[in-house]
């Protein structure tokens, strides 16, 4: 791994994954708490620019009705 966190929208990439709400506040909190290195069992800081860009793109797509925004913020449970 080159230290870059990438969004796996199709859930097909190999290796460990981490769930994140599609909300920029959740990304900021994960960075602040150093959640990604723990989730991926890696040491050191990781680059989350691609995830930040993906969330920004989702925000543009969800900019429709308030119901759409509410649906996009629901937690996704992998089980």
PDB file of N, CA and C in Angstrom:
ATOM      1  N   UNK A   1       0.852  -1.186   0.000  1.00  0.00           N
ATOM      2  CA  UNK A   1       0.000   0.000   0.000  1.00  0.00           C
ATOM      3  C   UNK A   1       0.887   1.236   0.000  1.00  0.00           C
ATOM      4  N   UNK A   2       0.493   2.257  -0.728  1.00  0.00           N
ATOM      5  CA  UNK A   2       1.301   3.464  -0.841  1.00  0.00           C
ATOM      6  C   UNK A   2       0.883   4.554   0.136  1.00  0.00           C
ATOM      7  N   UNK A   3       0.031   4.239   1.113  1.00  0.00           N
ATOM      8  CA  UNK A   3      -0.377   5.237   2.100  1.00  0.00           C
ATOM      9  C   UNK A   3      -1.552   6.092   1.675  1.00  0.00           C
ATOM     10  N   UNK A   4      -2.279   5.668   0.634  1.00  0.00           N
ATOM     11  CA  UNK A   4      -3.431   6.412   0.145  1.00  0.00           C
ATOM     12  C   UNK A   4      -4.701   5.619   0.413  1.00  0.00           C
ATOM     13  N   UNK A   5      -5.687   6.265   1.012  1.00  0.00           N
ATOM     14  CA  UNK A   5      -6.989   5.648   1.242  1.00  0.00           C
ATOM     15  C   UNK A   5      -7.857   5.955   0.031  1.00  0.00           C
ATOM     16  N   UNK A   6      -8.442   4.914  -0.566  1.00  0.00           N
ATOM     17  CA  UNK A   6      -9.260   5.106  -1.757  1.00  0.00           C
ATOM     18  C   UNK A   6     -10.683   4.603  -1.496  1.00  0.00           C
ATOM     19  N   UNK A   7     -11.688   5.287  -2.049  1.00  0.00           N
ATOM     20  CA  UNK A   7     -13.058   4.799  -1.908  1.00  0.00           C
ATOM     21  C   UNK A   7     -13.256   3.547  -2.759  1.00  0.00           C
ATOM     22  N   UNK A   8     -13.889   2.551  -2.189  1.00  0.00           N
ATOM     23  CA  UNK A   8     -14.184   1.301  -2.895  1.00  0.00           C
ATOM     24  C   UNK A   8     -15.690   1.225  -3.083  1.00  0.00           C
ATOM     25  N   UNK A   9     -16.201   1.981  -4.039  1.00  0.00           N
ATOM     26  CA  UNK A   9     -17.644   2.102  -4.215  1.00  0.00           C
ATOM     27  C   UNK A   9     -18.294   0.791  -4.639  1.00  0.00           C
ATOM     28  N   UNK A  10     -17.551  -0.070  -5.298  1.00  0.00           N
ATOM     29  CA  UNK A  10     -18.110  -1.350  -5.738  1.00  0.00           C
ATOM     30  C   UNK A  10     -17.856  -2.455  -4.725  1.00  0.00           C
ATOM     31  N   UNK A  11     -17.108  -2.159  -3.681  1.00  0.00           N
ATOM     32  CA  UNK A  11     -16.770  -3.127  -2.623  1.00  0.00           C
ATOM     33  C   UNK A  11     -16.097  -4.368  -3.191  1.00  0.00           C
ATOM     34  N   UNK A  12     -15.117  -4.135  -4.053  1.00  0.00           N
ATOM     35  CA  UNK A  12     -14.432  -5.243  -4.716  1.00  0.00           C
ATOM     36  C   UNK A  12     -12.920  -5.243  -4.510  1.00  0.00           C
ATOM     37  N   UNK A  13     -12.356  -4.199  -3.934  1.00  0.00           N
ATOM     38  CA  UNK A  13     -10.906  -4.142  -3.773  1.00  0.00           C
ATOM     39  C   UNK A  13     -10.454  -5.152  -2.724  1.00  0.00           C
ATOM     40  N   UNK A  14      -9.284  -5.753  -2.923  1.00  0.00           N
ATOM     41  CA  UNK A  14      -8.783  -6.712  -1.943  1.00  0.00           C
ATOM     42  C   UNK A  14      -8.253  -5.996  -0.702  1.00  0.00           C
ATOM     43  N   UNK A  15      -8.147  -6.729   0.361  1.00  0.00           N
ATOM     44  CA  UNK A  15      -7.554  -6.186   1.587  1.00  0.00           C
ATOM     45  C   UNK A  15      -8.599  -5.714   2.573  1.00  0.00           C
ATOM     46  N   UNK A  16      -8.104  -5.077   3.622  1.00  0.00           N
ATOM     47  CA  UNK A  16      -8.975  -4.577   4.682  1.00  0.00           C
ATOM     48  C   UNK A  16      -9.731  -3.355   4.212  1.00  0.00           C
ATOM     49  N   UNK A  17     -10.910  -3.188   4.732  1.00  0.00           N
ATOM     50  CA  UNK A  17     -11.716  -2.021   4.411  1.00  0.00           C
ATOM     51  C   UNK A  17     -12.137  -1.303   5.681  1.00  0.00           C
ATOM     52  N   UNK A  18     -12.710  -0.138   5.514  1.00  0.00           N
ATOM     53  CA  UNK A  18     -13.216   0.642   6.639  1.00  0.00           C
ATOM     54  C   UNK A  18     -14.502   1.319   6.183  1.00  0.00           C
ATOM     55  N   UNK A  19     -15.513   1.295   7.032  1.00  0.00           N
ATOM     56  CA  UNK A  19     -16.782   1.948   6.718  1.00  0.00           C
ATOM     57  C   UNK A  19     -16.744   3.389   7.164  1.00  0.00           C
ATOM     58  N   UNK A  20     -17.343   4.253   6.366  1.00  0.00           N
ATOM     59  CA  UNK A  20     -17.392   5.670   6.677  1.00  0.00           C
ATOM     60  C   UNK A  20     -18.720   6.220   6.186  1.00  0.00           C
ATOM     61  N   UNK A  21     -19.397   6.982   7.030  1.00  0.00           N
ATOM     62  CA  UNK A  21     -20.623   7.642   6.586  1.00  0.00           C
ATOM     63  C   UNK A  21     -20.273   8.609   5.460  1.00  0.00           C
ATOM     64  N   UNK A  22     -21.141   8.787   4.501  1.00  0.00           N
ATOM     65  CA  UNK A  22     -20.854   9.740   3.420  1.00  0.00           C
ATOM     66  C   UNK A  22     -21.062  11.174   3.897  1.00  0.00           C
ATOM     67  N   UNK A  23     -20.285  11.583   4.875  1.00  0.00           N
ATOM     68  CA  UNK A  23     -20.428  12.879   5.517  1.00  0.00           C
ATOM     69  C   UNK A  23     -19.031  13.441   5.806  1.00  0.00           C
ATOM     70  N   UNK A  24     -18.712  14.638   5.324  1.00  0.00           N
ATOM     71  CA  UNK A  24     -17.387  15.210   5.570  1.00  0.00           C
ATOM     72  C   UNK A  24     -17.041  15.330   7.054  1.00  0.00           C
ATOM     73  N   UNK A  25     -18.034  15.528   7.920  1.00  0.00           N
ATOM     74  CA  UNK A  25     -17.757  15.589   9.356  1.00  0.00           C
ATOM     75  C   UNK A  25     -17.244  14.258   9.876  1.00  0.00           C
ATOM     76  N   UNK A  26     -17.788  13.165   9.378  1.00  0.00           N
ATOM     77  CA  UNK A  26     -17.311  11.841   9.789  1.00  0.00           C
ATOM     78  C   UNK A  26     -15.863  11.626   9.344  1.00  0.00           C
ATOM     79  N   UNK A  27     -15.533  12.101   8.157  1.00  0.00           N
ATOM     80  CA  UNK A  27     -14.153  11.983   7.678  1.00  0.00           C
ATOM     81  C   UNK A  27     -13.212  12.786   8.567  1.00  0.00           C
ATOM     82  N   UNK A  28     -13.601  14.015   8.912  1.00  0.00           N
ATOM     83  CA  UNK A  28     -12.763  14.833   9.806  1.00  0.00           C
ATOM     84  C   UNK A  28     -12.562  14.158  11.154  1.00  0.00           C
ATOM     85  N   UNK A  29     -13.641  13.595  11.696  1.00  0.00           N
ATOM     86  CA  UNK A  29     -13.534  12.902  12.981  1.00  0.00           C
ATOM     87  C   UNK A  29     -12.639  11.674  12.883  1.00  0.00           C
ATOM     88  N   UNK A  30     -12.750  10.926  11.787  1.00  0.00           N
ATOM     89  CA  UNK A  30     -11.905   9.742  11.594  1.00  0.00           C
ATOM     90  C   UNK A  30     -10.436  10.136  11.502  1.00  0.00           C
ATOM     91  N   UNK A  31     -10.158  11.235  10.809  1.00  0.00           N
ATOM     92  CA  UNK A  31      -8.778  11.708  10.721  1.00  0.00           C
ATOM     93  C   UNK A  31      -8.257  12.135  12.092  1.00  0.00           C
ATOM     94  N   UNK A  32      -9.083  12.891  12.805  1.00  0.00           N
ATOM     95  CA  UNK A  32      -8.682  13.394  14.113  1.00  0.00           C
ATOM     96  C   UNK A  32      -8.395  12.242  15.083  1.00  0.00           C
ATOM     97  N   UNK A  33      -9.205  11.193  15.018  1.00  0.00           N
ATOM     98  CA  UNK A  33      -9.052  10.056  15.912  1.00  0.00           C
ATOM     99  C   UNK A  33      -8.049   9.029  15.400  1.00  0.00           C
ATOM    100  N   UNK A  34      -7.466   9.286  14.233  1.00  0.00           N
ATOM    101  CA  UNK A  34      -6.520   8.359  13.594  1.00  0.00           C
ATOM    102  C   UNK A  34      -7.151   6.981  13.391  1.00  0.00           C
ATOM    103  N   UNK A  35      -8.396   6.996  12.940  1.00  0.00           N
ATOM    104  CA  UNK A  35      -9.153   5.756  12.784  1.00  0.00           C
ATOM    105  C   UNK A  35      -8.684   4.919  11.596  1.00  0.00           C
ATOM    106  N   UNK A  36      -8.235   5.551  10.527  1.00  0.00           N
ATOM    107  CA  UNK A  36      -7.842   4.776   9.348  1.00  0.00           C
ATOM    108  C   UNK A  36      -6.614   3.910   9.594  1.00  0.00           C
ATOM    109  N   UNK A  37      -5.534   4.452  10.161  1.00  0.00           N
ATOM    110  CA  UNK A  37      -4.395   3.563  10.438  1.00  0.00           C
ATOM    111  C   UNK A  37      -4.771   2.389  11.343  1.00  0.00           C
ATOM    112  N   UNK A  38      -5.653   2.625  12.309  1.00  0.00           N
ATOM    113  CA  UNK A  38      -6.083   1.518  13.174  1.00  0.00           C
ATOM    114  C   UNK A  38      -6.914   0.507  12.398  1.00  0.00           C
ATOM    115  N   UNK A  39      -7.847   0.985  11.581  1.00  0.00           N
ATOM    116  CA  UNK A  39      -8.714   0.077  10.821  1.00  0.00           C
ATOM    117  C   UNK A  39      -7.918  -0.765   9.834  1.00  0.00           C
ATOM    118  N   UNK A  40      -6.917  -0.144   9.211  1.00  0.00           N
ATOM    119  CA  UNK A  40      -6.117  -0.853   8.210  1.00  0.00           C
ATOM    120  C   UNK A  40      -4.900  -1.550   8.816  1.00  0.00           C
ATOM    121  N   UNK A  41      -4.721  -1.371  10.134  1.00  0.00           N
ATOM    122  CA  UNK A  41      -3.577  -1.950  10.848  1.00  0.00           C
ATOM    123  C   UNK A  41      -2.250  -1.539  10.215  1.00  0.00           C
ATOM    124  N   UNK A  42      -2.133  -0.241  10.006  1.00  0.00           N
ATOM    125  CA  UNK A  42      -0.925   0.342   9.437  1.00  0.00           C
ATOM    126  C   UNK A  42      -0.396   1.414  10.379  1.00  0.00           C
ATOM    127  N   UNK A  43       0.858   1.744  10.232  1.00  0.00           N
ATOM    128  CA  UNK A  43       1.460   2.790  11.048  1.00  0.00           C
ATOM    129  C   UNK A  43       1.619   4.060  10.230  1.00  0.00           C
ATOM    130  N   UNK A  44       1.494   5.189  10.887  1.00  0.00           N
ATOM    131  CA  UNK A  44       1.715   6.475  10.240  1.00  0.00           C
ATOM    132  C   UNK A  44       0.461   7.057   9.629  1.00  0.00           C
ATOM    133  N   UNK A  45       0.572   8.309   9.196  1.00  0.00           N
ATOM    134  CA  UNK A  45      -0.584   8.988   8.600  1.00  0.00           C
ATOM    135  C   UNK A  45      -0.880   8.443   7.198  1.00  0.00           C
ATOM    136  N   UNK A  46      -2.140   8.537   6.812  1.00  0.00           N
ATOM    137  CA  UNK A  46      -2.561   8.097   5.492  1.00  0.00           C
ATOM    138  C   UNK A  46      -3.177   9.273   4.736  1.00  0.00           C
ATOM    139  N   UNK A  47      -3.024   9.270   3.428  1.00  0.00           N
ATOM    140  CA  UNK A  47      -3.560  10.324   2.571  1.00  0.00           C
ATOM    141  C   UNK A  47      -5.028  10.016   2.256  1.00  0.00           C
ATOM    142  N   UNK A  48      -5.941  10.895   2.650  1.00  0.00           N
ATOM    143  CA  UNK A  48      -7.377  10.672   2.440  1.00  0.00           C
ATOM    144  C   UNK A  48      -7.956  11.635   1.401  1.00  0.00           C
ATOM    145  N   UNK A  49      -7.115  12.255   0.583  1.00  0.00           N
ATOM    146  CA  UNK A  49      -7.596  13.224  -0.400  1.00  0.00           C
ATOM    147  C   UNK A  49      -8.590  12.616  -1.388  1.00  0.00           C
ATOM    148  N   UNK A  50      -8.364  11.366  -1.802  1.00  0.00           N
ATOM    149  CA  UNK A  50      -9.298  10.745  -2.755  1.00  0.00           C
ATOM    150  C   UNK A  50     -10.661  10.498  -2.113  1.00  0.00           C
ATOM    151  N   UNK A  51     -10.666  10.137  -0.836  1.00  0.00           N
ATOM    152  CA  UNK A  51     -11.935   9.944  -0.125  1.00  0.00           C
ATOM    153  C   UNK A  51     -12.633  11.294   0.037  1.00  0.00           C
ATOM    154  N   UNK A  52     -11.864  12.324   0.371  1.00  0.00           N
ATOM    155  CA  UNK A  52     -12.434  13.676   0.518  1.00  0.00           C
ATOM    156  C   UNK A  52     -13.070  14.120  -0.800  1.00  0.00           C
ATOM    157  N   UNK A  53     -12.398  13.881  -1.911  1.00  0.00           N
ATOM    158  CA  UNK A  53     -12.936  14.236  -3.224  1.00  0.00           C
ATOM    159  C   UNK A  53     -14.191  13.444  -3.551  1.00  0.00           C
ATOM    160  N   UNK A  54     -14.193  12.171  -3.179  1.00  0.00           N
ATOM    161  CA  UNK A  54     -15.375  11.340  -3.418  1.00  0.00           C
ATOM    162  C   UNK A  54     -16.563  11.853  -2.614  1.00  0.00           C
ATOM    163  N   UNK A  55     -16.339  12.225  -1.363  1.00  0.00           N
ATOM    164  CA  UNK A  55     -17.420  12.767  -0.539  1.00  0.00           C
ATOM    165  C   UNK A  55     -17.922  14.097  -1.094  1.00  0.00           C
ATOM    166  N   UNK A  56     -17.015  14.908  -1.609  1.00  0.00           N
ATOM    167  CA  UNK A  56     -17.426  16.178  -2.208  1.00  0.00           C
ATOM    168  C   UNK A  56     -18.306  15.924  -3.422  1.00  0.00           C
ATOM    169  N   UNK A  57     -17.938  14.933  -4.231  1.00  0.00           N
ATOM    170  CA  UNK A  57     -18.743  14.580  -5.403  1.00  0.00           C
ATOM    171  C   UNK A  57     -20.110  14.068  -4.978  1.00  0.00           C
ATOM    172  N   UNK A  58     -20.159  13.231  -3.947  1.00  0.00           N
ATOM    173  CA  UNK A  58     -21.444  12.743  -3.437  1.00  0.00           C
ATOM    174  C   UNK A  58     -22.302  13.899  -2.943  1.00  0.00           C
ATOM    175  N   UNK A  59     -21.668  14.874  -2.302  1.00  0.00           N
ATOM    176  CA  UNK A  59     -22.401  16.033  -1.808  1.00  0.00           C
ATOM    177  C   UNK A  59     -23.056  16.797  -2.935  1.00  0.00           C
ATOM    178  N   UNK A  60     -22.385  16.887  -4.074  1.00  0.00           N
ATOM    179  CA  UNK A  60     -22.960  17.572  -5.235  1.00  0.00           C
ATOM    180  C   UNK A  60     -24.130  16.785  -5.796  1.00  0.00           C
ATOM    181  N   UNK A  61     -24.019  15.451  -5.802  1.00  0.00           N
ATOM    182  CA  UNK A  61     -25.081  14.611  -6.336  1.00  0.00           C
ATOM    183  C   UNK A  61     -26.303  14.597  -5.421  1.00  0.00           C
ATOM    184  N   UNK A  62     -26.083  14.746  -4.112  1.00  0.00           N
ATOM    185  CA  UNK A  62     -27.157  14.656  -3.122  1.00  0.00           C
ATOM    186  C   UNK A  62     -27.775  16.017  -2.857  1.00  0.00           C
ATOM    187  N   UNK A  63     -27.305  17.029  -3.517  1.00  0.00           N
ATOM    188  CA  UNK A  63     -27.766  18.389  -3.239  1.00  0.00           C
ATOM    189  C   UNK A  63     -29.225  18.610  -3.625  1.00  0.00           C
ATOM    190  N   UNK A  64     -29.954  17.557  -3.870  1.00  0.00           N
ATOM    191  CA  UNK A  64     -31.369  17.663  -4.221  1.00  0.00           C
ATOM    192  C   UNK A  64     -32.231  17.934  -3.013  1.00  0.00           C
ATOM    193  N   UNK A  65     -33.238  17.126  -2.812  1.00  0.00           N
ATOM    194  CA  UNK A  65     -34.208  17.346  -1.738  1.00  0.00           C
ATOM    195  C   UNK A  65     -33.616  17.009  -0.368  1.00  0.00           C
ATOM    196  N   UNK A  66     -34.185  17.549   0.706  1.00  0.00           N
ATOM    197  CA  UNK A  66     -33.728  17.209   2.057  1.00  0.00           C
ATOM    198  C   UNK A  66     -33.831  15.711   2.334  1.00  0.00           C
ATOM    199  N   UNK A  67     -34.813  15.042   1.763  1.00  0.00           N
ATOM    200  CA  UNK A  67     -34.933  13.594   1.966  1.00  0.00           C
ATOM    201  C   UNK A  67     -33.735  12.871   1.368  1.00  0.00           C
ATOM    202  N   UNK A  68     -33.270  13.309   0.196  1.00  0.00           N
ATOM    203  CA  UNK A  68     -32.087  12.703  -0.417  1.00  0.00           C
ATOM    204  C   UNK A  68     -30.884  12.869   0.482  1.00  0.00           C
ATOM    205  N   UNK A  69     -30.719  14.043   1.066  1.00  0.00           N
ATOM    206  CA  UNK A  69     -29.591  14.290   1.951  1.00  0.00           C
ATOM    207  C   UNK A  69     -29.675  13.407   3.183  1.00  0.00           C
ATOM    208  N   UNK A  70     -30.873  13.243   3.723  1.00  0.00           N
ATOM    209  CA  UNK A  70     -31.054  12.412   4.904  1.00  0.00           C
ATOM    210  C   UNK A  70     -30.738  10.955   4.572  1.00  0.00           C
ATOM    211  N   UNK A  71     -31.167  10.470   3.435  1.00  0.00           N
ATOM    212  CA  UNK A  71     -30.897   9.100   3.038  1.00  0.00           C
ATOM    213  C   UNK A  71     -29.401   8.860   2.872  1.00  0.00           C
ATOM    214  N   UNK A  72     -28.675   9.827   2.333  1.00  0.00           N
ATOM    215  CA  UNK A  72     -27.248   9.668   2.093  1.00  0.00           C
ATOM    216  C   UNK A  72     -26.460   9.598   3.387  1.00  0.00           C
ATOM    217  N   UNK A  73     -27.000  10.099   4.483  1.00  0.00           N
ATOM    218  CA  UNK A  73     -26.279  10.112   5.747  1.00  0.00           C
ATOM    219  C   UNK A  73     -26.581   8.910   6.621  1.00  0.00           C
ATOM    220  N   UNK A  74     -27.416   8.006   6.157  1.00  0.00           N
ATOM    221  CA  UNK A  74     -27.713   6.821   6.956  1.00  0.00           C
ATOM    222  C   UNK A  74     -26.480   5.931   7.051  1.00  0.00           C
ATOM    223  N   UNK A  75     -26.352   5.280   8.177  1.00  0.00           N
ATOM    224  CA  UNK A  75     -25.224   4.386   8.391  1.00  0.00           C
ATOM    225  C   UNK A  75     -25.407   3.118   7.584  1.00  0.00           C
ATOM    226  N   UNK A  76     -24.330   2.631   7.036  1.00  0.00           N
ATOM    227  CA  UNK A  76     -24.350   1.398   6.277  1.00  0.00           C
ATOM    228  C   UNK A  76     -23.690   0.322   7.123  1.00  0.00           C
ATOM    229  N   UNK A  77     -24.391  -0.761   7.331  1.00  0.00           N
ATOM    230  CA  UNK A  77     -23.880  -1.856   8.135  1.00  0.00           C
ATOM    231  C   UNK A  77     -23.543  -3.005   7.208  1.00  0.00           C
ATOM    232  N   UNK A  78     -22.314  -3.498   7.218  1.00  0.00           N
ATOM    233  CA  UNK A  78     -21.927  -4.541   6.284  1.00  0.00           C
ATOM    234  C   UNK A  78     -22.512  -5.914   6.609  1.00  0.00           C
ATOM    235  N   UNK A  79     -23.095  -6.102   7.783  1.00  0.00           N
ATOM    236  CA  UNK A  79     -23.590  -7.444   8.129  1.00  0.00           C
ATOM    237  C   UNK A  79     -25.012  -7.671   7.722  1.00  0.00           C
TER     238      UNK A  79
END
